Amino acid sequence: MKTKILVVDDEADLELLIKQKFRRKIRESTYEFLFATNGQEALERITENPDTDVILSDINMPVMDGLTLLTRTHTEHPAMKTVIVSAYGDMGNLRTAMNRGAFDFVVKPVDFADLELTIEKTADQVRQLRDTLRAIQENNILKMYVDETVLNFMTRPDFENRLLASETVEATVVFLDICGFTALAEKLPPTDVVSLLNTYFDLVVKEFIAQGGHVDKFMGDAVMAVFRGEHHLDRAIDAALSARTALQQSQAPLPPGFDYRPQVSIGVNTGEVVSGNIGSASLKRLDYTVIGDVVNMSQRLQSAAKAGQIIISEAVYERVKESFHCQFVSEVTLKNKALPVKIYEVVE
């Protein structure tokens, strides 16, 4: 990997000397040298070459001295490392340079063998720092795609040995569908569809998170959320009520000529679910989710719900009737269910 080095010194013959001493490294594309005669010119070189790795800087220079340059680069470009190369090797300059962020200090006249070792050590530090910063950035991006529950699962000591393991847990599953959005999507440009859908999902997800739920997956214009822990059923219904209100009050702008007020249909069910990674370890594609009859029933209840309705089964109604105002809707036959099911609507 090529190391890009900026040499900042007002000595006229230093550029030629550097090119002579490191001609093999330059020829092999191990080193690439840039040159500047003062701190201000060096900042211009850095702007032109933001991938600069190492700065070799003198202290005493016209226009802008090396210590001032060091202060600027340490603040504005923390991934670059500076080595001060100066004839002024007294303790005062050394301490000032180190306090302002210098990585190392080389005293003139330069021992080029020592300078090469210093460059290698500094470049290695820069690579490690940039790898760390890149990993942090990638991790932050990963968090946008992976739910916190999955990240917590990945931090378990026996994570790799439990990839396909599963556990049975008590949970409440919520299916929420944005009604009429498919028809709207047929008329809007794709970019407007994605933007509007993301706006609606953001409103809904905030309410789920506020009640301690996590989003299991997005499916077109629908979302599945799971609630666990103490009072998970009550929290899930509270979240569903809040999500419905948030979407009804949405002021997201629509293109001219479109009249659409978002409504949701929601199904809520609770009970034992199987939690774990579902997929193919060989293909290296897994989905950390919950499965079981409780999940299927929740989706069926959502399918039976009309716009604006939050639908629960009779079994769920018996558990929450003292906490929420519910009303009987009807007895329906749900897909893949042998017997009719009494369903209730959560009003408030």
Protein backbone atom coordinates (compact mmCIF):
# COMPACT_ATOMS: atom_id res chain seq x y z
CA MET A 1 0.00 0.00 0.00
CA LYS A 2 1.40 3.37 -1.05
CA THR A 3 2.18 5.90 1.69
CA LYS A 4 1.61 9.54 0.71
CA ILE A 5 4.05 11.86 2.48
CA LEU A 6 3.97 15.66 2.55
CA VAL A 7 7.35 17.29 3.21
CA VAL A 8 7.06 20.87 4.49
CA ASP A 9 10.41 22.74 4.57
CA ASP A 10 11.79 25.96 3.11
CA GLU A 11 15.23 24.48 2.42
CA ALA A 12 15.61 24.58 -1.37
CA ASP A 13 17.76 21.45 -1.68
CA LEU A 14 15.68 19.20 0.61
CA GLU A 15 13.28 18.09 -2.13
CA LEU A 16 16.14 16.84 -4.30
CA LEU A 17 17.78 15.11 -1.32
CA ILE A 18 14.53 13.35 -0.37
CA LYS A 19 14.02 12.13 -3.93
CA GLN A 20 17.58 10.79 -4.05
CA LYS A 21 17.51 9.02 -0.69
CA PHE A 22 14.11 7.40 -1.27
CA ARG A 23 14.35 6.86 -5.05
CA ARG A 24 13.84 3.09 -4.72
CA LYS A 25 10.72 3.50 -2.56
CA ILE A 26 9.41 6.08 -5.03
CA ARG A 27 10.17 3.84 -8.03
CA GLU A 28 8.41 0.89 -6.38
CA SER A 29 5.39 3.13 -5.59
CA THR A 30 5.86 2.47 -1.89
CA TYR A 31 6.20 6.19 -1.16
CA GLU A 32 4.69 9.19 -2.91
CA PHE A 33 6.14 12.55 -1.87
CA LEU A 34 4.50 15.97 -2.02
CA PHE A 35 6.38 19.17 -1.18
CA ALA A 36 5.54 22.57 0.31
CA THR A 37 7.80 25.44 1.45
CA ASN A 38 5.62 26.72 4.32
CA GLY A 39 2.61 25.88 6.42
CA GLN A 40 0.09 27.76 4.29
CA GLU A 41 1.27 26.02 1.13
CA ALA A 42 1.09 22.72 3.01
CA LEU A 43 -2.59 23.29 3.84
CA GLU A 44 -3.24 23.84 0.14
CA ARG A 45 -1.47 20.57 -0.70
CA ILE A 46 -3.57 18.75 1.89
CA THR A 47 -6.77 20.17 0.40
CA GLU A 48 -5.65 18.85 -2.99
CA ASN A 49 -4.55 15.52 -1.47
CA PRO A 50 -6.87 14.62 1.44
CA ASP A 51 -5.47 11.06 1.44
CA THR A 52 -2.09 12.30 2.71
CA ASP A 53 -0.81 9.92 5.40
CA VAL A 54 2.31 11.47 6.92
CA ILE A 55 3.52 15.06 7.23
CA LEU A 56 7.24 15.76 7.72
CA SER A 57 7.44 19.38 8.83
CA ASP A 58 10.15 21.82 9.80
CA ILE A 59 9.43 24.39 12.54
CA ASN A 60 10.90 27.71 11.37
CA MET A 61 9.36 28.67 8.00
CA PRO A 62 7.96 31.88 6.46
CA VAL A 63 4.22 32.67 6.16
CA MET A 64 3.18 29.87 8.56
CA ASP A 65 5.56 27.99 10.87
CA GLY A 66 5.49 24.26 11.52
CA LEU A 67 3.97 24.42 15.01
CA THR A 68 1.03 26.50 13.74
CA LEU A 69 0.60 24.04 10.87
CA LEU A 70 0.67 21.19 13.37
CA THR A 71 -2.16 22.77 15.38
CA ARG A 72 -4.27 23.11 12.24
CA THR A 73 -3.69 19.61 10.87
CA HIS A 74 -4.16 17.92 14.25
CA THR A 75 -7.56 19.59 14.59
CA GLU A 76 -8.77 19.45 10.99
CA HIS A 77 -7.19 16.17 9.84
CA PRO A 78 -6.84 13.89 12.88
CA ALA A 79 -6.16 10.81 10.74
CA MET A 80 -2.92 12.37 9.40
CA LYS A 81 0.16 12.15 11.59
CA THR A 82 2.93 14.75 11.73
CA VAL A 83 6.62 14.16 12.38
CA ILE A 84 8.54 17.34 13.22
CA VAL A 85 11.92 17.43 11.44
CA SER A 86 13.94 20.33 12.81
CA ALA A 87 17.41 21.45 13.89
CA TYR A 88 15.77 22.92 16.99
CA GLY A 89 15.66 19.79 19.08
CA ASP A 90 15.58 21.43 22.51
CA MET A 91 13.15 20.21 25.13
CA GLY A 92 10.92 23.30 24.77
CA ASN A 93 10.25 22.72 21.06
CA LEU A 94 9.91 19.00 21.63
CA ARG A 95 7.28 19.42 24.35
CA THR A 96 5.39 22.07 22.37
CA ALA A 97 5.29 19.84 19.31
CA MET A 98 4.11 16.82 21.29
CA ASN A 99 1.48 18.87 23.14
CA ARG A 100 0.11 20.08 19.80
CA GLY A 101 -0.25 16.54 18.49
CA ALA A 102 3.07 15.60 16.84
CA PHE A 103 3.55 11.86 16.46
CA ASP A 104 7.36 11.98 16.60
CA PHE A 105 10.35 14.33 16.41
CA VAL A 106 13.45 13.93 14.21
CA VAL A 107 16.48 16.21 14.71
CA LYS A 108 18.51 17.65 11.82
CA PRO A 109 20.93 16.79 10.31
CA VAL A 110 18.67 13.93 9.29
CA ASP A 111 19.71 10.32 9.64
CA PHE A 112 17.74 8.98 6.65
CA ALA A 113 17.80 5.39 7.86
CA ASP A 114 16.20 6.55 11.10
CA LEU A 115 13.79 8.76 9.16
CA GLU A 116 12.64 5.79 7.08
CA LEU A 117 11.93 3.78 10.22
CA THR A 118 10.02 6.74 11.63
CA ILE A 119 7.98 7.08 8.44
CA GLU A 120 7.09 3.36 8.52
CA LYS A 121 6.09 3.53 12.18
CA THR A 122 3.99 6.64 11.58
CA ALA A 123 2.34 5.25 8.44
CA ASP A 124 1.44 2.06 10.30
CA GLN A 125 -0.21 4.14 13.03
CA VAL A 126 -2.17 6.08 10.40
CA ARG A 127 -3.39 2.84 8.79
CA GLN A 128 -4.53 1.47 12.13
CA LEU A 129 -6.33 4.71 12.96
CA ARG A 130 -8.07 4.85 9.58
CA ASP A 131 -9.08 1.19 9.87
CA THR A 132 -10.60 1.95 13.26
CA LEU A 133 -12.46 5.01 11.96
CA ARG A 134 -13.71 3.00 8.98
CA ALA A 135 -14.89 0.22 11.29
CA ILE A 136 -16.78 2.75 13.43
CA GLN A 137 -18.40 4.24 10.34
CA GLU A 138 -19.35 0.80 9.01
CA ASN A 139 -20.71 -0.16 12.43
CA ASN A 140 -22.87 2.97 12.51
CA ILE A 141 -24.17 2.14 9.04
CA LEU A 142 -24.79 -1.47 10.11
CA LYS A 143 -26.93 -0.24 13.00
CA MET A 144 -29.25 1.36 10.43
CA TYR A 145 -29.89 -2.03 8.84
CA VAL A 146 -29.69 -4.35 11.86
CA ASP A 147 -31.96 -4.14 14.87
CA GLU A 148 -30.47 -3.72 18.35
CA THR A 149 -31.80 -7.15 19.32
CA VAL A 150 -29.62 -8.73 16.63
CA LEU A 151 -26.58 -6.72 17.74
CA ASN A 152 -27.13 -7.85 21.34
CA PHE A 153 -27.35 -11.45 20.14
CA MET A 154 -24.08 -11.04 18.22
CA THR A 155 -22.23 -9.89 21.35
CA ARG A 156 -22.94 -13.10 23.28
CA PRO A 157 -19.75 -15.04 24.07
CA ASP A 158 -21.03 -18.18 22.32
CA PHE A 159 -22.52 -16.32 19.35
CA GLU A 160 -20.77 -18.29 16.58
CA ASN A 161 -21.70 -21.64 18.13
CA ARG A 162 -25.35 -20.64 18.50
CA LEU A 163 -26.04 -19.30 15.01
CA LEU A 164 -28.89 -21.72 14.33
CA ALA A 165 -29.98 -22.18 17.94
CA SER A 166 -33.44 -21.00 18.93
CA GLU A 167 -35.38 -20.24 22.11
CA THR A 168 -39.04 -20.05 23.07
CA VAL A 169 -40.07 -16.71 24.56
CA GLU A 170 -43.23 -14.87 25.51
CA ALA A 171 -43.80 -11.93 23.20
CA THR A 172 -46.39 -9.77 21.48
CA VAL A 173 -46.29 -9.37 17.72
CA VAL A 174 -47.72 -6.37 15.89
CA PHE A 175 -48.39 -6.24 12.15
CA LEU A 176 -49.11 -2.77 10.76
CA ASP A 177 -50.08 -2.06 7.15
CA ILE A 178 -50.40 1.39 5.57
CA CYS A 179 -53.77 1.22 3.85
CA GLY A 180 -54.17 2.33 0.25
CA PHE A 181 -50.48 2.94 -0.26
CA THR A 182 -50.15 0.35 -3.04
CA ALA A 183 -52.66 2.24 -5.17
CA LEU A 184 -50.89 5.51 -4.43
CA ALA A 185 -47.54 3.97 -5.39
CA GLU A 186 -48.90 3.12 -8.83
CA LYS A 187 -49.39 6.82 -9.57
CA LEU A 188 -46.33 8.40 -7.94
CA PRO A 189 -42.75 8.41 -9.26
CA PRO A 190 -40.59 5.76 -7.52
CA THR A 191 -38.46 8.36 -5.72
CA ASP A 192 -41.56 9.99 -4.24
CA VAL A 193 -42.91 6.58 -3.20
CA VAL A 194 -39.73 5.69 -1.30
CA SER A 195 -39.50 9.12 0.34
CA LEU A 196 -43.12 9.12 1.47
CA LEU A 197 -43.02 5.52 2.71
CA ASN A 198 -39.86 6.22 4.72
CA THR A 199 -41.55 9.26 6.27
CA TYR A 200 -44.56 7.20 7.33
CA PHE A 201 -42.42 4.35 8.64
CA ASP A 202 -40.34 6.78 10.68
CA LEU A 203 -43.46 8.04 12.45
CA VAL A 204 -44.61 4.50 13.21
CA VAL A 205 -41.25 3.14 14.33
CA LYS A 206 -40.71 5.99 16.79
CA GLU A 207 -43.87 4.91 18.62
CA PHE A 208 -42.78 1.27 18.69
CA ILE A 209 -39.35 2.18 20.06
CA ALA A 210 -40.89 4.49 22.67
CA GLN A 211 -42.74 1.46 24.09
CA GLY A 212 -39.67 -0.80 24.09
CA GLY A 213 -40.51 -2.72 20.92
CA HIS A 214 -38.17 -3.55 18.06
CA VAL A 215 -38.83 -3.70 14.35
CA ASP A 216 -38.43 -7.24 13.08
CA LYS A 217 -38.84 -6.43 9.39
CA PHE A 218 -40.31 -4.12 6.78
CA MET A 219 -42.42 -5.78 4.08
CA GLY A 220 -43.42 -3.40 1.31
CA ASP A 221 -45.80 -0.95 2.99
CA ALA A 222 -46.14 -3.09 6.13
CA VAL A 223 -44.02 -3.46 9.24
CA MET A 224 -43.72 -6.23 11.84
CA ALA A 225 -42.70 -5.33 15.39
CA VAL A 226 -42.01 -7.52 18.43
CA PHE A 227 -42.40 -6.62 22.10
CA ARG A 228 -40.83 -8.62 24.91
CA GLY A 229 -40.34 -8.28 28.62
CA GLU A 230 -42.63 -7.00 31.35
CA HIS A 231 -46.12 -5.85 30.25
CA HIS A 232 -45.22 -6.53 26.62
CA LEU A 233 -48.87 -6.89 25.55
CA ASP A 234 -49.98 -3.58 27.08
CA ARG A 235 -46.94 -1.80 25.65
CA ALA A 236 -47.59 -3.23 22.20
CA ILE A 237 -51.21 -2.03 22.18
CA ASP A 238 -50.17 1.40 23.47
CA ALA A 239 -47.63 1.55 20.65
CA ALA A 240 -50.26 0.55 18.08
CA LEU A 241 -52.64 3.27 19.31
CA SER A 242 -49.86 5.89 19.22
CA ALA A 243 -48.69 4.78 15.76
CA ARG A 244 -52.23 5.08 14.41
CA THR A 245 -52.57 8.59 15.80
CA ALA A 246 -49.14 9.68 14.57
CA LEU A 247 -49.90 8.56 11.03
CA GLN A 248 -53.38 10.11 11.01
CA GLN A 249 -51.84 13.44 12.03
CA SER A 250 -49.02 13.23 9.50
CA GLN A 251 -48.39 16.42 7.53
CA ALA A 252 -46.07 14.79 5.00
CA PRO A 253 -46.48 16.74 1.74
CA LEU A 254 -47.85 15.06 -1.36
CA PRO A 255 -47.27 16.07 -4.98
CA PRO A 256 -49.89 18.48 -6.41
CA GLY A 257 -53.13 16.77 -7.38
CA PHE A 258 -52.88 13.93 -4.86
CA ASP A 259 -55.31 13.70 -1.96
CA TYR A 260 -54.27 10.92 0.42
CA ARG A 261 -54.66 10.64 4.18
CA PRO A 262 -52.66 7.72 5.59
CA GLN A 263 -54.54 5.11 7.59
CA VAL A 264 -53.29 1.89 9.14
CA SER A 265 -54.74 -1.55 9.73
CA ILE A 266 -53.12 -3.33 12.66
CA GLY A 267 -53.19 -6.85 14.05
CA VAL A 268 -51.91 -7.67 17.55
CA ASN A 269 -51.39 -11.12 19.05
CA THR A 270 -49.45 -12.48 22.00
CA GLY A 271 -48.06 -15.77 23.31
CA GLU A 272 -45.09 -18.09 22.88
CA VAL A 273 -42.89 -17.57 19.82
CA VAL A 274 -39.72 -19.24 18.66
CA SER A 275 -36.87 -16.72 18.44
CA GLY A 276 -33.66 -17.33 16.52
CA ASN A 277 -31.78 -17.15 13.23
CA ILE A 278 -33.77 -18.45 10.29
CA GLY A 279 -32.02 -19.09 6.98
CA SER A 280 -29.02 -20.86 5.52
CA ALA A 281 -25.67 -20.96 7.28
CA SER A 282 -24.10 -22.34 4.10
CA LEU A 283 -25.34 -19.38 2.08
CA LYS A 284 -24.39 -17.06 4.96
CA ARG A 285 -27.82 -15.44 4.84
CA LEU A 286 -29.71 -15.45 8.13
CA ASP A 287 -32.67 -13.49 9.46
CA TYR A 288 -32.95 -13.06 13.23
CA THR A 289 -36.71 -13.20 13.76
CA VAL A 290 -39.61 -14.84 15.56
CA ILE A 291 -41.86 -17.51 14.10
CA GLY A 292 -44.85 -19.56 15.23
CA ASP A 293 -48.63 -19.55 15.28
CA VAL A 294 -48.70 -16.32 17.29
CA VAL A 295 -46.89 -14.53 14.48
CA ASN A 296 -49.16 -16.04 11.81
CA MET A 297 -52.28 -15.10 13.75
CA SER A 298 -51.10 -11.52 14.16
CA GLN A 299 -50.72 -11.18 10.41
CA ARG A 300 -54.13 -12.77 9.80
CA LEU A 301 -55.72 -10.33 12.27
CA GLN A 302 -54.12 -7.42 10.42
CA SER A 303 -55.55 -8.75 7.15
CA ALA A 304 -59.02 -8.80 8.74
CA ALA A 305 -58.67 -5.22 9.99
CA LYS A 306 -60.18 -2.29 8.08
CA ALA A 307 -58.48 1.09 7.71
CA GLY A 308 -58.01 2.66 11.14
CA GLN A 309 -58.70 -0.57 13.07
CA ILE A 310 -56.52 -2.34 15.64
CA ILE A 311 -57.75 -5.93 15.75
CA ILE A 312 -57.14 -8.54 18.46
CA SER A 313 -58.41 -12.06 19.09
CA GLU A 314 -60.85 -13.05 21.81
CA ALA A 315 -58.02 -14.55 23.88
CA VAL A 316 -56.14 -11.25 23.79
CA TYR A 317 -59.32 -9.31 24.52
CA GLU A 318 -59.85 -11.29 27.74
CA ARG A 319 -56.38 -10.24 28.90
CA VAL A 320 -56.68 -6.52 28.13
CA LYS A 321 -60.40 -5.71 28.47
CA GLU A 322 -59.83 -4.00 31.82
CA SER A 323 -57.01 -1.84 30.48
CA PHE A 324 -58.31 -0.84 27.06
CA HIS A 325 -61.69 0.06 25.60
CA CYS A 326 -62.49 -2.68 23.09
CA GLN A 327 -65.58 -3.65 21.14
CA PHE A 328 -66.67 -6.85 19.46
CA VAL A 329 -66.44 -6.78 15.66
CA SER A 330 -67.54 -10.15 14.34
CA GLU A 331 -66.71 -13.81 14.03
CA VAL A 332 -64.49 -14.39 11.00
CA THR A 333 -62.76 -17.25 9.26
CA LEU A 334 -59.08 -16.46 8.93
CA LYS A 335 -56.80 -17.91 6.30
CA ASN A 336 -55.47 -21.40 7.19
CA LYS A 337 -57.58 -21.46 10.38
CA ALA A 338 -60.05 -24.35 10.67
CA LEU A 339 -62.42 -22.68 13.14
CA PRO A 340 -63.96 -19.19 13.06
CA VAL A 341 -62.31 -16.61 15.34
CA LYS A 342 -64.05 -13.85 17.31
CA ILE A 343 -62.23 -10.58 16.75
CA TYR A 344 -62.34 -7.33 18.70
CA GLU A 345 -61.27 -3.79 17.91
CA VAL A 346 -59.16 -1.78 20.34
CA VAL A 347 -60.79 1.66 20.36
CA GLU A 348 -58.66 3.42 22.95
